[in-house]
Amino acid sequence: MALHICDPATDRLLRLLARKKGKSLTETLHEVVAHQIEREREKRPLSRPLRTIRNEFCRLSKRAANRRIKRFEPASPARPKLSGLS
């Protein structure tokens, strides 16, 4: 099977990498593609961490709701002094 790379910049990068690694173009391309596939597999969807955070928040909220929390109630508000008015 033949692969024709039409983009000169991509061809140049592949050849540069192959030369630096001392491997053929086919071996280099195979390594790069295999590496990228592995990286994609390792990615976790954003929904998983968000779901974990949401579940933890709900768990903590329920626990806090079950405790009796004393409300802070300030003393009766001070009335401002009205000077000069009778």
N, C-alpha and C. Protein backbone atom coordinates (compact mmCIF):
# COMPACT_ATOMS: atom_id res chain seq x y z
N MET A 1 0.85 -1.17 0.00
CA MET A 1 0.00 0.00 0.00
C MET A 1 0.90 1.24 0.00
N ALA A 2 0.59 2.15 -0.86
CA ALA A 2 1.38 3.37 -0.97
C ALA A 2 0.68 4.52 -0.26
N LEU A 3 1.48 5.40 0.30
CA LEU A 3 0.95 6.59 0.95
C LEU A 3 1.66 7.77 0.32
N HIS A 4 0.88 8.68 -0.21
CA HIS A 4 1.46 9.85 -0.83
C HIS A 4 1.14 11.05 0.05
N ILE A 5 2.16 11.69 0.57
CA ILE A 5 1.97 12.86 1.42
C ILE A 5 2.04 14.09 0.52
N CYS A 6 0.91 14.76 0.39
CA CYS A 6 0.81 15.91 -0.53
C CYS A 6 1.36 17.20 0.07
N ASP A 7 1.35 17.31 1.37
CA ASP A 7 1.78 18.54 2.02
C ASP A 7 3.30 18.53 2.20
N PRO A 8 4.00 19.46 1.58
CA PRO A 8 5.47 19.47 1.68
C PRO A 8 5.98 19.64 3.11
N ALA A 9 5.28 20.43 3.91
CA ALA A 9 5.72 20.63 5.30
C ALA A 9 5.63 19.32 6.09
N THR A 10 4.58 18.56 5.89
CA THR A 10 4.41 17.28 6.57
C THR A 10 5.48 16.31 6.12
N ASP A 11 5.74 16.27 4.82
CA ASP A 11 6.78 15.39 4.27
C ASP A 11 8.14 15.75 4.87
N ARG A 12 8.43 17.04 4.96
CA ARG A 12 9.70 17.50 5.51
C ARG A 12 9.84 17.10 6.98
N LEU A 13 8.77 17.27 7.75
CA LEU A 13 8.80 16.90 9.17
C LEU A 13 8.99 15.40 9.36
N LEU A 14 8.30 14.61 8.58
CA LEU A 14 8.43 13.15 8.67
C LEU A 14 9.85 12.72 8.34
N ARG A 15 10.40 13.28 7.28
CA ARG A 15 11.77 12.92 6.89
C ARG A 15 12.79 13.36 7.95
N LEU A 16 12.57 14.53 8.52
CA LEU A 16 13.47 15.02 9.57
C LEU A 16 13.45 14.09 10.79
N LEU A 17 12.25 13.71 11.22
CA LEU A 17 12.12 12.82 12.36
C LEU A 17 12.73 11.45 12.08
N ALA A 18 12.48 10.92 10.88
CA ALA A 18 13.03 9.62 10.51
C ALA A 18 14.56 9.67 10.52
N ARG A 19 15.11 10.75 10.00
CA ARG A 19 16.57 10.89 9.96
C ARG A 19 17.14 10.96 11.38
N LYS A 20 16.49 11.74 12.26
CA LYS A 20 16.96 11.87 13.63
C LYS A 20 16.87 10.55 14.39
N LYS A 21 15.87 9.75 14.08
CA LYS A 21 15.69 8.47 14.76
C LYS A 21 16.49 7.35 14.09
N GLY A 22 16.96 7.61 12.88
CA GLY A 22 17.70 6.58 12.15
C GLY A 22 16.80 5.44 11.70
N LYS A 23 15.56 5.77 11.37
CA LYS A 23 14.58 4.76 10.96
C LYS A 23 14.02 5.13 9.59
N SER A 24 13.31 4.16 9.03
CA SER A 24 12.69 4.41 7.73
C SER A 24 11.46 5.30 7.91
N LEU A 25 10.99 5.85 6.79
CA LEU A 25 9.79 6.67 6.84
C LEU A 25 8.60 5.86 7.35
N THR A 26 8.50 4.63 6.91
CA THR A 26 7.38 3.76 7.32
C THR A 26 7.43 3.50 8.82
N GLU A 27 8.60 3.15 9.33
CA GLU A 27 8.74 2.90 10.77
C GLU A 27 8.41 4.15 11.58
N THR A 28 8.91 5.27 11.13
CA THR A 28 8.68 6.54 11.84
C THR A 28 7.20 6.89 11.84
N LEU A 29 6.56 6.79 10.69
CA LEU A 29 5.14 7.09 10.60
C LEU A 29 4.33 6.15 11.47
N HIS A 30 4.69 4.88 11.49
CA HIS A 30 4.00 3.89 12.32
C HIS A 30 4.11 4.27 13.80
N GLU A 31 5.31 4.62 14.24
CA GLU A 31 5.52 5.00 15.65
C GLU A 31 4.69 6.22 16.02
N VAL A 32 4.70 7.21 15.13
CA VAL A 32 3.96 8.45 15.41
C VAL A 32 2.47 8.18 15.51
N VAL A 33 1.93 7.43 14.57
CA VAL A 33 0.49 7.14 14.57
C VAL A 33 0.13 6.28 15.78
N ALA A 34 0.93 5.27 16.10
CA ALA A 34 0.66 4.42 17.25
C ALA A 34 0.69 5.24 18.55
N HIS A 35 1.64 6.15 18.64
CA HIS A 35 1.75 7.00 19.82
C HIS A 35 0.51 7.90 19.97
N GLN A 36 0.07 8.47 18.88
CA GLN A 36 -1.11 9.35 18.92
C GLN A 36 -2.37 8.57 19.28
N ILE A 37 -2.49 7.36 18.75
CA ILE A 37 -3.66 6.53 19.09
C ILE A 37 -3.65 6.22 20.59
N GLU A 38 -2.50 5.89 21.14
CA GLU A 38 -2.39 5.61 22.57
C GLU A 38 -2.76 6.85 23.40
N ARG A 39 -2.32 8.02 22.98
CA ARG A 39 -2.66 9.26 23.69
C ARG A 39 -4.17 9.50 23.67
N GLU A 40 -4.81 9.22 22.56
CA GLU A 40 -6.26 9.41 22.45
C GLU A 40 -6.99 8.44 23.38
N ARG A 41 -6.50 7.21 23.50
CA ARG A 41 -7.12 6.22 24.38
C ARG A 41 -7.03 6.65 25.84
N GLU A 42 -5.92 7.28 26.20
CA GLU A 42 -5.68 7.67 27.59
C GLU A 42 -6.47 8.90 28.00
N LYS A 43 -6.98 9.64 27.04
CA LYS A 43 -7.75 10.84 27.38
C LYS A 43 -9.02 10.44 28.10
N ARG A 44 -9.32 11.17 29.16
CA ARG A 44 -10.56 10.95 29.87
C ARG A 44 -11.56 12.00 29.40
N PRO A 45 -12.77 11.57 29.12
CA PRO A 45 -13.77 12.59 28.75
C PRO A 45 -13.99 13.54 29.91
N LEU A 46 -14.26 14.78 29.60
CA LEU A 46 -14.47 15.80 30.61
C LEU A 46 -15.65 15.45 31.52
N SER A 47 -16.60 14.70 31.00
CA SER A 47 -17.79 14.37 31.80
C SER A 47 -17.44 13.52 33.01
N ARG A 48 -16.40 12.69 32.93
CA ARG A 48 -16.05 11.85 34.09
C ARG A 48 -15.58 12.68 35.27
N PRO A 49 -14.58 13.57 35.10
CA PRO A 49 -14.18 14.36 36.26
C PRO A 49 -15.30 15.26 36.77
N LEU A 50 -16.11 15.80 35.87
CA LEU A 50 -17.22 16.65 36.30
C LEU A 50 -18.24 15.85 37.08
N ARG A 51 -18.51 14.63 36.65
CA ARG A 51 -19.46 13.77 37.36
C ARG A 51 -18.92 13.46 38.75
N THR A 52 -17.63 13.19 38.86
CA THR A 52 -17.02 12.91 40.16
C THR A 52 -17.14 14.11 41.09
N ILE A 53 -16.86 15.29 40.58
CA ILE A 53 -16.97 16.51 41.38
C ILE A 53 -18.41 16.73 41.81
N ARG A 54 -19.35 16.56 40.89
CA ARG A 54 -20.76 16.76 41.21
C ARG A 54 -21.22 15.78 42.30
N ASN A 55 -20.82 14.51 42.18
CA ASN A 55 -21.21 13.51 43.17
C ASN A 55 -20.64 13.83 44.54
N GLU A 56 -19.39 14.26 44.57
CA GLU A 56 -18.76 14.62 45.85
C GLU A 56 -19.46 15.84 46.46
N PHE A 57 -19.81 16.82 45.64
CA PHE A 57 -20.51 18.00 46.12
C PHE A 57 -21.86 17.61 46.71
N CYS A 58 -22.58 16.75 46.03
CA CYS A 58 -23.90 16.31 46.52
C CYS A 58 -23.75 15.56 47.83
N ARG A 59 -22.73 14.69 47.91
CA ARG A 59 -22.52 13.92 49.13
C ARG A 59 -22.23 14.85 50.31
N LEU A 60 -21.36 15.83 50.10
CA LEU A 60 -21.02 16.76 51.17
C LEU A 60 -22.20 17.65 51.53
N SER A 61 -22.98 18.06 50.54
CA SER A 61 -24.14 18.91 50.79
C SER A 61 -25.17 18.17 51.63
N LYS A 62 -25.40 16.90 51.33
CA LYS A 62 -26.37 16.11 52.10
C LYS A 62 -25.88 15.94 53.53
N ARG A 63 -24.58 15.70 53.69
CA ARG A 63 -24.03 15.53 55.03
C ARG A 63 -24.17 16.82 55.83
N ALA A 64 -23.91 17.94 55.20
CA ALA A 64 -24.04 19.23 55.88
C ALA A 64 -25.49 19.52 56.22
N ALA A 65 -26.41 19.14 55.35
CA ALA A 65 -27.83 19.39 55.59
C ALA A 65 -28.33 18.56 56.75
N ASN A 66 -27.75 17.40 56.97
CA ASN A 66 -28.18 16.53 58.06
C ASN A 66 -27.69 17.04 59.42
N ARG A 67 -26.64 17.82 59.43
CA ARG A 67 -26.15 18.39 60.68
C ARG A 67 -26.96 19.63 61.01
N ARG A 68 -27.13 19.84 62.28
CA ARG A 68 -27.80 21.08 62.69
C ARG A 68 -26.75 22.17 62.75
N ILE A 69 -26.93 23.12 61.94
CA ILE A 69 -25.99 24.22 61.89
C ILE A 69 -26.64 25.43 62.55
N LYS A 70 -25.97 25.95 63.56
CA LYS A 70 -26.51 27.13 64.22
C LYS A 70 -26.38 28.31 63.28
N ARG A 71 -27.47 29.01 63.16
CA ARG A 71 -27.44 30.20 62.33
C ARG A 71 -26.91 31.37 63.15
N PHE A 72 -26.14 32.16 62.51
CA PHE A 72 -25.64 33.35 63.17
C PHE A 72 -26.72 34.41 63.08
N GLU A 73 -27.19 34.80 64.25
CA GLU A 73 -28.20 35.86 64.28
C GLU A 73 -27.63 37.02 65.07
N PRO A 74 -27.38 38.11 64.41
CA PRO A 74 -26.79 39.25 65.11
C PRO A 74 -27.78 39.81 66.14
N ALA A 75 -27.24 40.48 67.14
CA ALA A 75 -28.10 41.13 68.14
C ALA A 75 -28.98 42.14 67.42
N SER A 76 -30.01 42.60 68.11
CA SER A 76 -30.91 43.52 67.45
C SER A 76 -30.11 44.69 66.86
N PRO A 77 -30.46 45.09 65.68
CA PRO A 77 -29.69 46.13 65.02
C PRO A 77 -29.69 47.42 65.81
N ALA A 78 -28.55 48.06 65.86
CA ALA A 78 -28.43 49.34 66.56
C ALA A 78 -29.17 50.40 65.77
N ARG A 79 -29.86 51.23 66.51
CA ARG A 79 -30.60 52.31 65.85
C ARG A 79 -29.68 53.52 65.76
N PRO A 80 -29.62 54.14 64.62
CA PRO A 80 -28.74 55.29 64.49
C PRO A 80 -29.29 56.46 65.32
N LYS A 81 -28.35 57.19 65.88
CA LYS A 81 -28.74 58.37 66.65
C LYS A 81 -29.05 59.51 65.68
N LEU A 82 -30.17 60.10 65.90
CA LEU A 82 -30.55 61.22 65.05
C LEU A 82 -30.31 62.51 65.83
N SER A 83 -29.21 63.10 65.61
CA SER A 83 -28.88 64.33 66.33
C SER A 83 -29.48 65.52 65.62
N GLY A 84 -29.91 66.47 66.41
CA GLY A 84 -30.46 67.69 65.86
C GLY A 84 -31.93 67.60 65.53
N LEU A 85 -32.51 66.43 65.64
CA LEU A 85 -33.94 66.29 65.37
C LEU A 85 -34.66 66.01 66.68
N SER A 86 -35.74 66.66 66.88
CA SER A 86 -36.49 66.44 68.12
C SER A 86 -37.84 65.88 67.81
